[in-house]
Amino acid sequence: GWLIAEVKKKHPEVLFLAEAFTKPKV
């Protein structure tokens, strides 16, 4: 949450795809 927000403060165009095949709530 912190890293994505910090990147987007300077570069709101940056996108992040989560590669997480794990439990639904996670």
PDB file of all heavy atoms in Angstrom:
ATOM      1  N   GLY A   1       0.820  -1.205   0.000  1.00  0.00           N
ATOM      2  CA  GLY A   1       0.000   0.000   0.000  1.00  0.00           C
ATOM      3  C   GLY A   1       0.853   1.254   0.000  1.00  0.00           C
ATOM      4  O   GLY A   1       0.572   2.222  -0.713  1.00  0.00           O
ATOM      5  N   TRP A   2       1.923   1.223   0.796  1.00  0.00           N
ATOM      6  CA  TRP A   2       2.835   2.369   0.862  1.00  0.00           C
ATOM      7  C   TRP A   2       3.598   2.539  -0.437  1.00  0.00           C
ATOM      8  O   TRP A   2       3.654   3.646  -0.995  1.00  0.00           O
ATOM      9  CB  TRP A   2       3.806   2.160   2.032  1.00  0.00           C
ATOM     10  CG  TRP A   2       4.912   3.166   2.085  1.00  0.00           C
ATOM     11  CD1 TRP A   2       4.849   4.417   2.630  1.00  0.00           C
ATOM     12  CD2 TRP A   2       6.248   3.004   1.576  1.00  0.00           C
ATOM     13  NE1 TRP A   2       6.070   5.051   2.486  1.00  0.00           N
ATOM     14  CE2 TRP A   2       6.942   4.204   1.851  1.00  0.00           C
ATOM     15  CE3 TRP A   2       6.917   1.973   0.924  1.00  0.00           C
ATOM     16  CZ2 TRP A   2       8.274   4.392   1.485  1.00  0.00           C
ATOM     17  CZ3 TRP A   2       8.237   2.153   0.557  1.00  0.00           C
ATOM     18  CH2 TRP A   2       8.912   3.353   0.840  1.00  0.00           C
ATOM     19  N   LEU A   3       4.206   1.473  -0.955  1.00  0.00           N
ATOM     20  CA  LEU A   3       5.044   1.595  -2.148  1.00  0.00           C
ATOM     21  C   LEU A   3       4.243   2.068  -3.353  1.00  0.00           C
ATOM     22  O   LEU A   3       4.667   2.969  -4.084  1.00  0.00           O
ATOM     23  CB  LEU A   3       5.726   0.263  -2.453  1.00  0.00           C
ATOM     24  CG  LEU A   3       6.668   0.279  -3.667  1.00  0.00           C
ATOM     25  CD1 LEU A   3       7.939  -0.519  -3.383  1.00  0.00           C
ATOM     26  CD2 LEU A   3       5.997  -0.281  -4.917  1.00  0.00           C
ATOM     27  N   ILE A   4       3.072   1.463  -3.570  1.00  0.00           N
ATOM     28  CA  ILE A   4       2.258   1.854  -4.729  1.00  0.00           C
ATOM     29  C   ILE A   4       1.844   3.317  -4.622  1.00  0.00           C
ATOM     30  O   ILE A   4       1.903   4.080  -5.601  1.00  0.00           O
ATOM     31  CB  ILE A   4       1.043   0.920  -4.860  1.00  0.00           C
ATOM     32  CG1 ILE A   4       1.515  -0.496  -5.226  1.00  0.00           C
ATOM     33  CG2 ILE A   4       0.062   1.443  -5.905  1.00  0.00           C
ATOM     34  CD1 ILE A   4       0.420  -1.545  -5.167  1.00  0.00           C
ATOM     35  N   ALA A   5       1.442   3.725  -3.412  1.00  0.00           N
ATOM     36  CA  ALA A   5       1.040   5.125  -3.223  1.00  0.00           C
ATOM     37  C   ALA A   5       2.210   6.077  -3.463  1.00  0.00           C
ATOM     38  O   ALA A   5       2.045   7.143  -4.076  1.00  0.00           O
ATOM     39  CB  ALA A   5       0.473   5.315  -1.818  1.00  0.00           C
ATOM     40  N   GLU A   6       3.405   5.699  -2.994  1.00  0.00           N
ATOM     41  CA  GLU A   6       4.576   6.561  -3.174  1.00  0.00           C
ATOM     42  C   GLU A   6       4.953   6.689  -4.650  1.00  0.00           C
ATOM     43  O   GLU A   6       5.307   7.772  -5.121  1.00  0.00           O
ATOM     44  CB  GLU A   6       5.759   6.008  -2.372  1.00  0.00           C
ATOM     45  CG  GLU A   6       5.618   6.157  -0.865  1.00  0.00           C
ATOM     46  CD  GLU A   6       5.547   7.607  -0.426  1.00  0.00           C
ATOM     47  OE1 GLU A   6       6.428   8.390  -0.819  1.00  0.00           O
ATOM     48  OE2 GLU A   6       4.589   7.962   0.302  1.00  0.00           O
ATOM     49  N   VAL A   7       4.893   5.584  -5.377  1.00  0.00           N
ATOM     50  CA  VAL A   7       5.190   5.648  -6.812  1.00  0.00           C
ATOM     51  C   VAL A   7       4.185   6.543  -7.520  1.00  0.00           C
ATOM     52  O   VAL A   7       4.539   7.388  -8.350  1.00  0.00           O
ATOM     53  CB  VAL A   7       5.199   4.236  -7.429  1.00  0.00           C
ATOM     54  CG1 VAL A   7       5.284   4.321  -8.954  1.00  0.00           C
ATOM     55  CG2 VAL A   7       6.374   3.416  -6.888  1.00  0.00           C
ATOM     56  N   LYS A   8       2.910   6.379  -7.169  1.00  0.00           N
ATOM     57  CA  LYS A   8       1.862   7.125  -7.868  1.00  0.00           C
ATOM     58  C   LYS A   8       1.842   8.611  -7.511  1.00  0.00           C
ATOM     59  O   LYS A   8       1.294   9.417  -8.265  1.00  0.00           O
ATOM     60  CB  LYS A   8       0.498   6.470  -7.612  1.00  0.00           C
ATOM     61  CG  LYS A   8       0.304   5.191  -8.410  1.00  0.00           C
ATOM     62  CD  LYS A   8      -1.075   4.595  -8.182  1.00  0.00           C
ATOM     63  CE  LYS A   8      -1.342   3.472  -9.173  1.00  0.00           C
ATOM     64  NZ  LYS A   8      -1.544   3.965 -10.550  1.00  0.00           N
ATOM     65  N   LYS A   9       2.432   8.970  -6.387  1.00  0.00           N
ATOM     66  CA  LYS A   9       2.541  10.398  -6.077  1.00  0.00           C
ATOM     67  C   LYS A   9       3.324  11.123  -7.162  1.00  0.00           C
ATOM     68  O   LYS A   9       3.000  12.239  -7.563  1.00  0.00           O
ATOM     69  CB  LYS A   9       3.250  10.587  -4.728  1.00  0.00           C
ATOM     70  CG  LYS A   9       2.386  10.364  -3.511  1.00  0.00           C
ATOM     71  CD  LYS A   9       3.194  10.600  -2.240  1.00  0.00           C
ATOM     72  CE  LYS A   9       2.388  10.279  -0.998  1.00  0.00           C
ATOM     73  NZ  LYS A   9       3.202  10.458   0.242  1.00  0.00           N
ATOM     74  N   LYS A  10       4.377  10.472  -7.633  1.00  0.00           N
ATOM     75  CA  LYS A  10       5.228  11.074  -8.671  1.00  0.00           C
ATOM     76  C   LYS A  10       4.790  10.662 -10.068  1.00  0.00           C
ATOM     77  O   LYS A  10       4.916  11.438 -11.019  1.00  0.00           O
ATOM     78  CB  LYS A  10       6.684  10.656  -8.459  1.00  0.00           C
ATOM     79  CG  LYS A  10       7.336  11.197  -7.207  1.00  0.00           C
ATOM     80  CD  LYS A  10       8.810  10.787  -7.153  1.00  0.00           C
ATOM     81  CE  LYS A  10       9.519  11.393  -5.964  1.00  0.00           C
ATOM     82  NZ  LYS A  10      10.958  11.013  -5.913  1.00  0.00           N
ATOM     83  N   HIS A  11       4.282   9.435 -10.178  1.00  0.00           N
ATOM     84  CA  HIS A  11       3.994   8.872 -11.499  1.00  0.00           C
ATOM     85  C   HIS A  11       2.641   8.143 -11.455  1.00  0.00           C
ATOM     86  O   HIS A  11       2.591   6.908 -11.392  1.00  0.00           O
ATOM     87  CB  HIS A  11       5.104   7.914 -11.918  1.00  0.00           C
ATOM     88  CG  HIS A  11       6.469   8.518 -11.874  1.00  0.00           C
ATOM     89  ND1 HIS A  11       6.936   9.373 -12.853  1.00  0.00           N
ATOM     90  CD2 HIS A  11       7.468   8.418 -10.957  1.00  0.00           C
ATOM     91  CE1 HIS A  11       8.159   9.771 -12.546  1.00  0.00           C
ATOM     92  NE2 HIS A  11       8.505   9.206 -11.407  1.00  0.00           N
ATOM     93  N   PRO A  12       1.546   8.885 -11.494  1.00  0.00           N
ATOM     94  CA  PRO A  12       0.223   8.255 -11.377  1.00  0.00           C
ATOM     95  C   PRO A  12      -0.109   7.306 -12.516  1.00  0.00           C
ATOM     96  O   PRO A  12      -1.038   6.507 -12.399  1.00  0.00           O
ATOM     97  CB  PRO A  12      -0.737   9.456 -11.361  1.00  0.00           C
ATOM     98  CG  PRO A  12       0.028  10.579 -11.979  1.00  0.00           C
ATOM     99  CD  PRO A  12       1.457  10.345 -11.605  1.00  0.00           C
ATOM    100  N   GLU A  13       0.658   7.367 -13.601  1.00  0.00           N
ATOM    101  CA  GLU A  13       0.387   6.507 -14.754  1.00  0.00           C
ATOM    102  C   GLU A  13       0.870   5.074 -14.552  1.00  0.00           C
ATOM    103  O   GLU A  13       0.496   4.167 -15.316  1.00  0.00           O
ATOM    104  CB  GLU A  13       1.042   7.085 -16.006  1.00  0.00           C
ATOM    105  CG  GLU A  13       2.560   6.913 -16.098  1.00  0.00           C
ATOM    106  CD  GLU A  13       3.377   7.879 -15.253  1.00  0.00           C
ATOM    107  OE1 GLU A  13       2.760   8.726 -14.553  1.00  0.00           O
ATOM    108  OE2 GLU A  13       4.617   7.799 -15.283  1.00  0.00           O
ATOM    109  N   VAL A  14       1.669   4.818 -13.527  1.00  0.00           N
ATOM    110  CA  VAL A  14       2.279   3.500 -13.342  1.00  0.00           C
ATOM    111  C   VAL A  14       1.239   2.500 -12.820  1.00  0.00           C
ATOM    112  O   VAL A  14       0.484   2.797 -11.897  1.00  0.00           O
ATOM    113  CB  VAL A  14       3.480   3.571 -12.386  1.00  0.00           C
ATOM    114  CG1 VAL A  14       4.062   2.173 -12.151  1.00  0.00           C
ATOM    115  CG2 VAL A  14       4.555   4.488 -12.970  1.00  0.00           C
ATOM    116  N   LEU A  15       1.228   1.312 -13.432  1.00  0.00           N
ATOM    117  CA  LEU A  15       0.278   0.256 -13.078  1.00  0.00           C
ATOM    118  C   LEU A  15       1.023  -0.935 -12.487  1.00  0.00           C
ATOM    119  O   LEU A  15       2.180  -1.192 -12.835  1.00  0.00           O
ATOM    120  CB  LEU A  15      -0.508  -0.190 -14.315  1.00  0.00           C
ATOM    121  CG  LEU A  15      -1.193   0.907 -15.130  1.00  0.00           C
ATOM    122  CD1 LEU A  15      -1.879   0.308 -16.357  1.00  0.00           C
ATOM    123  CD2 LEU A  15      -2.195   1.679 -14.275  1.00  0.00           C
ATOM    124  N   PHE A  16       0.339  -1.676 -11.619  1.00  0.00           N
ATOM    125  CA  PHE A  16       0.920  -2.838 -10.959  1.00  0.00           C
ATOM    126  C   PHE A  16      -0.019  -4.034 -11.100  1.00  0.00           C
ATOM    127  O   PHE A  16      -1.208  -3.942 -10.762  1.00  0.00           O
ATOM    128  CB  PHE A  16       1.147  -2.559  -9.470  1.00  0.00           C
ATOM    129  CG  PHE A  16       2.186  -1.516  -9.178  1.00  0.00           C
ATOM    130  CD1 PHE A  16       1.861  -0.160  -9.199  1.00  0.00           C
ATOM    131  CD2 PHE A  16       3.491  -1.872  -8.890  1.00  0.00           C
ATOM    132  CE1 PHE A  16       2.814   0.811  -8.924  1.00  0.00           C
ATOM    133  CE2 PHE A  16       4.461  -0.904  -8.617  1.00  0.00           C
ATOM    134  CZ  PHE A  16       4.119   0.445  -8.640  1.00  0.00           C
ATOM    135  N   LEU A  17       0.516  -5.145 -11.601  1.00  0.00           N
ATOM    136  CA  LEU A  17      -0.227  -6.409 -11.704  1.00  0.00           C
ATOM    137  C   LEU A  17       0.268  -7.347 -10.619  1.00  0.00           C
ATOM    138  O   LEU A  17       1.465  -7.644 -10.533  1.00  0.00           O
ATOM    139  CB  LEU A  17      -0.018  -7.039 -13.082  1.00  0.00           C
ATOM    140  CG  LEU A  17      -0.488  -8.488 -13.258  1.00  0.00           C
ATOM    141  CD1 LEU A  17      -1.991  -8.620 -13.097  1.00  0.00           C
ATOM    142  CD2 LEU A  17      -0.053  -9.039 -14.615  1.00  0.00           C
ATOM    143  N   ALA A  18      -0.649  -7.856  -9.794  1.00  0.00           N
ATOM    144  CA  ALA A  18      -0.298  -8.760  -8.698  1.00  0.00           C
ATOM    145  C   ALA A  18      -0.316 -10.205  -9.173  1.00  0.00           C
ATOM    146  O   ALA A  18      -1.355 -10.710  -9.600  1.00  0.00           O
ATOM    147  CB  ALA A  18      -1.269  -8.577  -7.538  1.00  0.00           C
ATOM    148  N   GLU A  19       0.846 -10.859  -9.108  1.00  0.00           N
ATOM    149  CA  GLU A  19       0.937 -12.277  -9.424  1.00  0.00           C
ATOM    150  C   GLU A  19       0.838 -13.041  -8.106  1.00  0.00           C
ATOM    151  O   GLU A  19       1.833 -13.294  -7.434  1.00  0.00           O
ATOM    152  CB  GLU A  19       2.263 -12.591 -10.136  1.00  0.00           C
ATOM    153  CG  GLU A  19       2.383 -14.023 -10.625  1.00  0.00           C
ATOM    154  CD  GLU A  19       3.190 -14.924  -9.700  1.00  0.00           C
ATOM    155  OE1 GLU A  19       3.790 -14.430  -8.719  1.00  0.00           O
ATOM    156  OE2 GLU A  19       3.232 -16.139  -9.967  1.00  0.00           O
ATOM    157  N   ALA A  20      -0.393 -13.344  -7.716  1.00  0.00           N
ATOM    158  CA  ALA A  20      -0.607 -14.006  -6.426  1.00  0.00           C
ATOM    159  C   ALA A  20      -1.686 -15.071  -6.585  1.00  0.00           C
ATOM    160  O   ALA A  20      -2.872 -14.774  -6.527  1.00  0.00           O
ATOM    161  CB  ALA A  20      -1.016 -12.975  -5.368  1.00  0.00           C
ATOM    162  N   PHE A  21      -1.271 -16.290  -6.807  1.00  0.00           N
ATOM    163  CA  PHE A  21      -2.216 -17.405  -6.854  1.00  0.00           C
ATOM    164  C   PHE A  21      -2.263 -18.010  -5.452  1.00  0.00           C
ATOM    165  O   PHE A  21      -1.516 -18.932  -5.125  1.00  0.00           O
ATOM    166  CB  PHE A  21      -1.763 -18.450  -7.885  1.00  0.00           C
ATOM    167  CG  PHE A  21      -1.716 -17.939  -9.289  1.00  0.00           C
ATOM    168  CD1 PHE A  21      -0.506 -17.667  -9.907  1.00  0.00           C
ATOM    169  CD2 PHE A  21      -2.880 -17.709 -10.007  1.00  0.00           C
ATOM    170  CE1 PHE A  21      -0.452 -17.197 -11.215  1.00  0.00           C
ATOM    171  CE2 PHE A  21      -2.841 -17.234 -11.312  1.00  0.00           C
ATOM    172  CZ  PHE A  21      -1.627 -16.981 -11.915  1.00  0.00           C
ATOM    173  N   THR A  22      -3.129 -17.477  -4.625  1.00  0.00           N
ATOM    174  CA  THR A  22      -3.146 -17.878  -3.224  1.00  0.00           C
ATOM    175  C   THR A  22      -4.572 -17.801  -2.696  1.00  0.00           C
ATOM    176  O   THR A  22      -5.529 -17.841  -3.471  1.00  0.00           O
ATOM    177  CB  THR A  22      -2.174 -16.987  -2.420  1.00  0.00           C
ATOM    178  OG1 THR A  22      -2.138 -17.421  -1.064  1.00  0.00           O
ATOM    179  CG2 THR A  22      -2.558 -15.520  -2.478  1.00  0.00           C
ATOM    180  N   LYS A  23      -4.741 -17.664  -1.403  1.00  0.00           N
ATOM    181  CA  LYS A  23      -6.070 -17.666  -0.797  1.00  0.00           C
ATOM    182  C   LYS A  23      -6.879 -16.447  -1.251  1.00  0.00           C
ATOM    183  O   LYS A  23      -6.324 -15.359  -1.430  1.00  0.00           O
ATOM    184  CB  LYS A  23      -5.938 -17.692   0.722  1.00  0.00           C
ATOM    185  CG  LYS A  23      -5.279 -18.943   1.262  1.00  0.00           C
ATOM    186  CD  LYS A  23      -5.159 -18.913   2.782  1.00  0.00           C
ATOM    187  CE  LYS A  23      -4.168 -17.878   3.249  1.00  0.00           C
ATOM    188  NZ  LYS A  23      -3.974 -17.939   4.720  1.00  0.00           N
ATOM    189  N   PRO A  24      -8.190 -16.617  -1.423  1.00  0.00           N
ATOM    190  CA  PRO A  24      -9.011 -15.516  -1.953  1.00  0.00           C
ATOM    191  C   PRO A  24      -8.884 -14.211  -1.179  1.00  0.00           C
ATOM    192  O   PRO A  24      -8.726 -13.145  -1.777  1.00  0.00           O
ATOM    193  CB  PRO A  24     -10.438 -16.071  -1.874  1.00  0.00           C
ATOM    194  CG  PRO A  24     -10.277 -17.553  -1.944  1.00  0.00           C
ATOM    195  CD  PRO A  24      -8.989 -17.849  -1.231  1.00  0.00           C
ATOM    196  N   LYS A  25      -8.946 -14.268   0.142  1.00  0.00           N
ATOM    197  CA  LYS A  25      -8.914 -13.022   0.915  1.00  0.00           C
ATOM    198  C   LYS A  25      -7.558 -12.329   0.805  1.00  0.00           C
ATOM    199  O   LYS A  25      -7.473 -11.095   0.867  1.00  0.00           O
ATOM    200  CB  LYS A  25      -9.284 -13.298   2.374  1.00  0.00           C
ATOM    201  CG  LYS A  25     -10.774 -13.570   2.577  1.00  0.00           C
ATOM    202  CD  LYS A  25     -11.126 -13.726   4.039  1.00  0.00           C
ATOM    203  CE  LYS A  25     -12.639 -13.801   4.237  1.00  0.00           C
ATOM    204  NZ  LYS A  25     -13.275 -14.872   3.493  1.00  0.00           N
ATOM    205  N   VAL A  26      -6.506 -13.106   0.646  1.00  0.00           N
ATOM    206  CA  VAL A  26      -5.182 -12.520   0.462  1.00  0.00           C
ATOM    207  C   VAL A  26      -5.107 -11.804  -0.886  1.00  0.00           C
ATOM    208  O   VAL A  26      -4.608 -10.678  -0.987  1.00  0.00           O
ATOM    209  CB  VAL A  26      -4.094 -13.601   0.570  1.00  0.00           C
ATOM    210  CG1 VAL A  26      -2.725 -13.034   0.216  1.00  0.00           C
ATOM    211  CG2 VAL A  26      -4.065 -14.191   1.988  1.00  0.00           C
TER     212      VAL A  26
END
